[in-house]
Amino acid sequence: MDYFERPLTLILFLPLFFLLLFTCWKGKLNLSLEGKWDRNTKLLNDFKTDFQSILKKIVGILPFLSLSFVILAAAGPGAKHRFIPDETYGIDIMIALDISGSMVNSYDFLPNNRLSVSKKLLQEFIKKRESDRIGLVLFAGAAYLQSPLTSDRLALTELIAEAEDSSIDEQGTAIGDALILSTYRLKKSKATSKIILILTDGVSNTGKLDPETASFASKAYSIKVYSIGIGKEMGQYEINYDSLRAISEQTGGTFFRAESPEDLEEILKEIDDLEKDPLPSKPIELVQTHFPDYLFWSFVLLLLDGSFKIWPLKEML
């Protein structure tokens, strides 16, 4: 025991001590053992007489001992234990997912489309990031925040599962708007590492801001952009992977090209390995309380006191 939750309660020992002195002064309790031991042999001169005398003193002091344990219990005794958690890893991540028509109407990820494959792999990626806060932006011809930074991975996976190309009415691909919106949600983050993960299969052809300009804002807030260009160049839709590469290089991130579901899975695994920054955790302090133990002994002493007063041994006293 090295801790009291209410240490001032221990002041009650003072009146208890004076009550004990007053009881002795009135002659109701004699704690002296003088003359009860033989100086030469250290044995009891008269076992019966001395046993009765000692037993009287024990019985007389039991109520005071019981009250002492009550005072200790009221003071909240316990022990403090400090634990230093294992080093944890965590960053703040905003995911910007392209849900434009080309993500659904493509044929290079058969039997699924690009959007369904991206959603499935993103859900697996999120489940692995147990120490991170993650947010979600969906974009097509405009960008919309679906979730701010959160640790609720279940809610995030459900939001991604519900994302469809019909979720946004505006047609096109507004990469710049998605980037600036994600940057805005990360700019006040105090995490040691902040990243934006953009998944798209098209060229930025609409929106209020172009991707290159938006990337300057990301860089200003020390946000790295990892961009993933999804799909093969089959001439069906216009693609500009050079722009995505420039955005990532400008912010200190990396551009990836995913031409198949297997490629995308490997890319997300690589990003998962790359972005693990150690964050120090505060020591955890736990207090183990012992007051039930003191109350237990208080009740035991009270029972003994009552037992000695009604038990046949009283005749010996």
Protein backbone atom coordinates (compact mmCIF):
# COMPACT_ATOMS: atom_id res chain seq x y z
CA MET A 1 0.00 0.00 0.00
CA ASP A 2 1.52 3.34 -1.04
CA TYR A 3 -1.50 5.52 -1.77
CA PHE A 4 -4.47 7.07 0.02
CA GLU A 5 -7.30 8.58 -1.98
CA ARG A 6 -8.45 10.68 1.02
CA PRO A 7 -5.35 11.06 3.24
CA LEU A 8 -6.90 13.78 5.44
CA THR A 9 -9.23 11.13 6.83
CA LEU A 10 -6.24 9.73 8.75
CA ILE A 11 -6.55 12.74 11.11
CA LEU A 12 -9.35 10.78 12.79
CA PHE A 13 -6.65 8.68 14.44
CA LEU A 14 -5.98 11.61 16.80
CA PRO A 15 -9.40 11.57 18.52
CA LEU A 16 -9.28 7.77 18.55
CA PHE A 17 -5.92 7.90 20.31
CA PHE A 18 -7.21 10.39 22.92
CA LEU A 19 -10.29 8.21 23.42
CA LEU A 20 -7.99 5.26 24.13
CA LEU A 21 -6.01 7.33 26.66
CA PHE A 22 -9.21 8.54 28.31
CA THR A 23 -10.46 4.96 28.63
CA CYS A 24 -7.19 3.89 30.27
CA TRP A 25 -7.27 6.91 32.59
CA LYS A 26 -10.77 6.02 33.77
CA GLY A 27 -9.47 2.58 34.63
CA LYS A 28 -11.75 0.81 32.21
CA LEU A 29 -8.78 -0.53 30.26
CA ASN A 30 -5.37 -1.51 31.67
CA LEU A 31 -2.75 -2.26 29.04
CA SER A 32 0.14 -2.79 31.46
CA LEU A 33 1.78 -6.23 31.51
CA GLU A 34 4.14 -5.43 34.38
CA GLY A 35 4.73 -8.29 36.74
CA LYS A 36 3.25 -10.85 34.46
CA TRP A 37 6.52 -12.29 33.26
CA ASP A 38 9.26 -13.91 35.26
CA ARG A 39 12.51 -12.01 34.65
CA ASN A 40 14.69 -15.11 34.86
CA THR A 41 12.81 -17.72 32.90
CA LYS A 42 10.58 -15.53 30.63
CA LEU A 43 7.74 -17.99 31.37
CA LEU A 44 4.32 -17.26 32.80
CA ASN A 45 4.29 -17.56 36.61
CA ASP A 46 0.69 -18.56 36.70
CA PHE A 47 -0.64 -19.58 33.26
CA LYS A 48 -4.32 -19.28 34.15
CA THR A 49 -4.05 -15.92 35.86
CA ASP A 50 -1.87 -14.40 33.15
CA PHE A 51 -4.01 -15.80 30.33
CA GLN A 52 -7.10 -14.19 31.83
CA SER A 53 -5.29 -10.88 32.22
CA ILE A 54 -3.97 -10.86 28.66
CA LEU A 55 -7.34 -11.89 27.27
CA LYS A 56 -9.01 -9.01 29.10
CA LYS A 57 -6.61 -6.54 27.52
CA ILE A 58 -7.11 -8.01 24.04
CA VAL A 59 -10.89 -7.86 24.35
CA GLY A 60 -10.69 -4.30 25.65
CA ILE A 61 -8.64 -3.05 22.72
CA LEU A 62 -10.63 -4.83 19.97
CA PRO A 63 -13.14 -1.95 19.44
CA PHE A 64 -10.28 0.52 18.99
CA LEU A 65 -8.55 -1.76 16.50
CA SER A 66 -11.82 -2.16 14.60
CA LEU A 67 -12.30 1.62 14.42
CA SER A 68 -8.69 1.95 13.22
CA PHE A 69 -9.42 -0.30 10.27
CA VAL A 70 -12.59 1.69 9.50
CA ILE A 71 -10.55 4.91 9.40
CA LEU A 72 -7.97 3.30 7.12
CA ALA A 73 -10.71 2.04 4.81
CA ALA A 74 -12.33 5.50 4.71
CA ALA A 75 -8.98 7.00 3.69
CA GLY A 76 -9.10 4.97 0.47
CA PRO A 77 -5.93 2.86 0.73
CA GLY A 78 -4.47 1.40 -2.41
CA ALA A 79 -1.42 0.98 -4.61
CA LYS A 80 -0.49 2.89 -7.75
CA HIS A 81 0.86 1.04 -10.76
CA ARG A 82 2.32 2.83 -13.78
CA PHE A 83 2.45 1.09 -17.12
CA ILE A 84 4.24 2.37 -20.19
CA PRO A 85 2.30 1.10 -23.21
CA ASP A 86 4.05 -0.44 -26.14
CA GLU A 87 4.98 2.04 -28.84
CA THR A 88 1.98 2.55 -31.10
CA TYR A 89 1.72 3.64 -34.68
CA GLY A 90 -0.83 6.03 -36.04
CA ILE A 91 -1.43 8.67 -38.68
CA ASP A 92 -4.33 10.70 -40.02
CA ILE A 93 -5.56 9.61 -43.44
CA MET A 94 -8.13 11.10 -45.78
CA ILE A 95 -9.28 8.75 -48.53
CA ALA A 96 -10.57 10.40 -51.71
CA LEU A 97 -12.43 7.84 -53.84
CA ASP A 98 -13.47 8.48 -57.42
CA ILE A 99 -17.04 7.21 -58.00
CA SER A 100 -17.55 8.65 -61.47
CA GLY A 101 -19.22 6.65 -64.24
CA SER A 102 -15.94 5.43 -65.69
CA MET A 103 -15.20 3.58 -62.45
CA VAL A 104 -18.36 1.53 -62.98
CA ASN A 105 -18.52 1.22 -66.77
CA SER A 106 -14.96 -0.03 -67.31
CA TYR A 107 -14.27 -3.59 -68.46
CA ASP A 108 -10.65 -4.19 -67.45
CA PHE A 109 -11.43 -5.44 -63.91
CA LEU A 110 -13.96 -8.08 -64.95
CA PRO A 111 -15.92 -9.84 -63.54
CA ASN A 112 -16.14 -6.77 -61.25
CA ASN A 113 -15.75 -3.10 -62.09
CA ARG A 114 -13.06 -0.73 -60.84
CA LEU A 115 -15.26 0.83 -58.18
CA SER A 116 -16.35 -2.43 -56.56
CA VAL A 117 -12.76 -3.73 -56.47
CA SER A 118 -11.53 -0.43 -55.01
CA LYS A 119 -14.23 -0.46 -52.35
CA LYS A 120 -13.45 -4.02 -51.28
CA LEU A 121 -9.70 -3.43 -51.01
CA LEU A 122 -10.16 -0.09 -49.25
CA GLN A 123 -12.31 -1.78 -46.64
CA GLU A 124 -9.54 -4.31 -46.00
CA PHE A 125 -7.00 -1.47 -45.84
CA ILE A 126 -9.08 0.41 -43.25
CA LYS A 127 -9.48 -2.66 -41.03
CA LYS A 128 -5.69 -2.97 -40.78
CA ARG A 129 -5.18 0.64 -39.68
CA GLU A 130 -6.21 0.06 -36.07
CA SER A 131 -4.30 3.02 -34.62
CA ASP A 132 -5.23 5.61 -37.25
CA ARG A 133 -7.95 8.14 -37.76
CA ILE A 134 -9.39 7.93 -41.25
CA GLY A 135 -11.81 10.16 -43.16
CA LEU A 136 -13.61 9.71 -46.48
CA VAL A 137 -14.28 12.00 -49.45
CA LEU A 138 -16.25 10.83 -52.49
CA PHE A 139 -15.91 12.70 -55.74
CA ALA A 140 -17.03 12.70 -59.34
CA GLY A 141 -17.94 16.05 -60.92
CA ALA A 142 -17.86 17.47 -57.37
CA ALA A 143 -16.36 16.40 -54.06
CA TYR A 144 -18.33 15.67 -50.90
CA LEU A 145 -17.22 14.78 -47.39
CA GLN A 146 -18.69 11.46 -46.26
CA SER A 147 -16.83 11.14 -42.98
CA PRO A 148 -14.45 13.38 -41.03
CA LEU A 149 -11.42 11.83 -39.36
CA THR A 150 -12.61 9.03 -37.13
CA SER A 151 -11.46 5.84 -35.42
CA ASP A 152 -14.80 4.15 -36.12
CA ARG A 153 -13.64 1.69 -38.78
CA LEU A 154 -16.99 -0.10 -38.87
CA ALA A 155 -18.81 3.09 -39.88
CA LEU A 156 -16.19 3.84 -42.51
CA THR A 157 -16.42 0.43 -44.12
CA GLU A 158 -20.21 0.77 -44.25
CA LEU A 159 -19.95 4.19 -45.91
CA ILE A 160 -17.59 2.80 -48.52
CA ALA A 161 -19.88 -0.16 -49.13
CA GLU A 162 -22.77 2.23 -49.83
CA ALA A 163 -20.80 4.41 -52.25
CA GLU A 164 -22.15 4.21 -55.81
CA ASP A 165 -21.73 6.24 -58.98
CA SER A 166 -25.27 7.54 -58.43
CA SER A 167 -24.29 9.03 -55.05
CA ILE A 168 -23.14 12.23 -56.81
CA ASP A 169 -25.22 13.89 -59.51
CA GLU A 170 -22.43 16.00 -61.02
CA GLN A 171 -20.63 14.21 -63.83
CA GLY A 172 -16.90 14.38 -64.47
CA THR A 173 -13.77 14.03 -62.34
CA ALA A 174 -12.95 16.87 -59.95
CA ILE A 175 -9.62 15.71 -58.54
CA GLY A 176 -8.61 19.20 -57.47
CA ASP A 177 -11.79 19.67 -55.44
CA ALA A 178 -11.33 16.29 -53.75
CA LEU A 179 -7.73 17.14 -52.92
CA ILE A 180 -8.49 20.57 -51.44
CA LEU A 181 -11.43 19.22 -49.42
CA SER A 182 -9.25 16.44 -48.00
CA THR A 183 -6.52 18.98 -47.24
CA TYR A 184 -9.00 21.17 -45.39
CA ARG A 185 -10.02 18.26 -43.17
CA LEU A 186 -6.38 17.47 -42.35
CA LYS A 187 -4.91 20.94 -41.89
CA LYS A 188 -5.69 21.15 -38.16
CA SER A 189 -4.53 17.63 -37.45
CA LYS A 190 -1.77 17.30 -34.83
CA ALA A 191 -0.69 13.87 -36.05
CA THR A 192 2.99 13.47 -36.85
CA SER A 193 2.06 12.13 -40.29
CA LYS A 194 -0.85 13.23 -42.49
CA ILE A 195 -1.64 11.70 -45.85
CA ILE A 196 -4.25 11.84 -48.58
CA LEU A 197 -4.97 8.69 -50.56
CA ILE A 198 -6.59 9.39 -53.93
CA LEU A 199 -7.97 6.59 -56.10
CA THR A 200 -9.12 7.62 -59.58
CA ASP A 201 -9.18 6.34 -63.15
CA GLY A 202 -9.63 9.61 -64.99
CA VAL A 203 -8.30 13.06 -65.73
CA SER A 204 -9.41 16.11 -63.78
CA ASN A 205 -11.86 17.76 -66.19
CA THR A 206 -14.12 19.75 -63.91
CA GLY A 207 -14.28 21.35 -60.48
CA LYS A 208 -13.42 24.71 -58.99
CA LEU A 209 -9.70 24.07 -58.54
CA ASP A 210 -7.11 22.24 -60.60
CA PRO A 211 -5.09 19.45 -58.94
CA GLU A 212 -1.72 21.19 -59.26
CA THR A 213 -2.92 24.27 -57.38
CA ALA A 214 -4.61 22.15 -54.72
CA SER A 215 -1.38 20.22 -54.19
CA PHE A 216 0.37 23.43 -53.08
CA ALA A 217 -2.08 23.69 -50.20
CA SER A 218 -1.41 20.08 -49.26
CA LYS A 219 2.32 20.71 -49.26
CA ALA A 220 1.89 23.84 -47.15
CA TYR A 221 0.28 21.74 -44.40
CA SER A 222 2.89 18.95 -44.68
CA ILE A 223 0.37 16.54 -46.14
CA LYS A 224 1.64 13.80 -48.41
CA VAL A 225 -0.53 12.69 -51.32
CA TYR A 226 -0.47 9.06 -52.43
CA SER A 227 -2.28 8.83 -55.74
CA ILE A 228 -3.35 5.60 -57.43
CA GLY A 229 -4.23 5.58 -61.10
CA ILE A 230 -6.64 2.71 -61.67
CA GLY A 231 -7.16 0.80 -64.90
CA LYS A 232 -5.55 0.18 -68.26
CA GLU A 233 -5.28 2.73 -71.03
CA MET A 234 -7.76 1.26 -73.47
CA GLY A 235 -8.92 4.50 -75.13
CA GLN A 236 -12.38 4.21 -73.60
CA TYR A 237 -11.80 7.09 -71.18
CA GLU A 238 -9.26 9.91 -71.09
CA ILE A 239 -6.44 9.34 -68.60
CA ASN A 240 -3.72 11.69 -67.34
CA TYR A 241 -1.45 9.83 -64.98
CA ASP A 242 1.28 12.47 -65.35
CA SER A 243 -0.87 14.90 -63.38
CA LEU A 244 -1.30 12.40 -60.54
CA ARG A 245 2.42 11.72 -60.52
CA ALA A 246 3.17 15.45 -60.30
CA ILE A 247 0.78 15.89 -57.36
CA SER A 248 2.43 13.09 -55.39
CA GLU A 249 5.97 14.25 -56.12
CA GLN A 250 5.06 17.83 -55.17
CA THR A 251 3.85 16.74 -51.71
CA GLY A 252 6.42 14.05 -50.94
CA GLY A 253 4.08 11.15 -51.65
CA THR A 254 4.17 8.45 -54.30
CA PHE A 255 2.22 7.72 -57.47
CA PHE A 256 1.11 4.15 -58.16
CA ARG A 257 -0.37 2.54 -61.21
CA ALA A 258 -2.91 -0.26 -60.73
CA GLU A 259 -3.86 -2.10 -63.90
CA SER A 260 -5.49 -5.05 -62.14
CA PRO A 261 -7.10 -5.93 -58.80
CA GLU A 262 -3.88 -7.68 -57.82
CA ASP A 263 -1.89 -4.51 -58.52
CA LEU A 264 -4.24 -2.43 -56.39
CA GLU A 265 -4.04 -4.90 -53.53
CA GLU A 266 -0.24 -4.83 -53.57
CA ILE A 267 -0.20 -1.03 -53.73
CA LEU A 268 -2.42 -0.67 -50.67
CA LYS A 269 -0.22 -3.14 -48.82
CA GLU A 270 2.85 -1.09 -49.76
CA ILE A 271 1.24 2.13 -48.55
CA ASP A 272 0.24 0.36 -45.35
CA ASP A 273 3.90 -0.60 -44.78
CA LEU A 274 5.24 2.83 -45.73
CA GLU A 275 3.00 4.89 -43.49
CA LYS A 276 3.71 3.75 -39.97
CA ASP A 277 5.04 6.57 -37.83
CA PRO A 278 5.76 5.87 -34.16
CA LEU A 279 3.66 7.95 -31.78
CA PRO A 280 4.60 8.04 -28.09
CA SER A 281 1.82 6.92 -25.77
CA LYS A 282 1.22 8.43 -22.36
CA PRO A 283 1.96 6.15 -19.39
CA ILE A 284 -1.13 4.53 -17.94
CA GLU A 285 -1.59 4.87 -14.19
CA LEU A 286 -3.85 2.37 -12.44
CA VAL A 287 -4.87 2.48 -8.80
CA GLN A 288 -5.61 -0.78 -7.02
CA THR A 289 -7.88 -0.17 -4.03
CA HIS A 290 -7.53 -2.10 -0.77
CA PHE A 291 -10.38 -0.63 1.29
CA PRO A 292 -12.49 -3.86 1.19
CA ASP A 293 -9.66 -5.69 2.94
CA TYR A 294 -9.62 -3.16 5.81
CA LEU A 295 -13.41 -3.27 6.15
CA PHE A 296 -13.22 -7.05 6.29
CA TRP A 297 -10.78 -7.02 9.22
CA SER A 298 -12.85 -4.35 10.96
CA PHE A 299 -15.92 -6.60 10.86
CA VAL A 300 -13.85 -9.58 12.00
CA LEU A 301 -12.63 -7.66 15.05
CA LEU A 302 -16.15 -6.50 15.89
CA LEU A 303 -17.38 -10.09 15.70
CA LEU A 304 -14.58 -11.22 17.98
CA ASP A 305 -15.41 -8.46 20.42
CA GLY A 306 -19.05 -9.50 20.50
CA SER A 307 -18.16 -13.17 20.73
CA PHE A 308 -15.94 -12.66 23.77
CA LYS A 309 -18.74 -10.82 25.54
CA ILE A 310 -21.38 -13.51 25.04
CA TRP A 311 -19.23 -16.65 24.72
CA PRO A 312 -18.87 -18.94 27.76
CA LEU A 313 -15.21 -17.91 27.97
CA LYS A 314 -16.54 -14.74 29.59
CA GLU A 315 -16.68 -16.75 32.80
CA MET A 316 -12.91 -17.12 32.58
CA LEU A 317 -12.54 -13.37 32.57
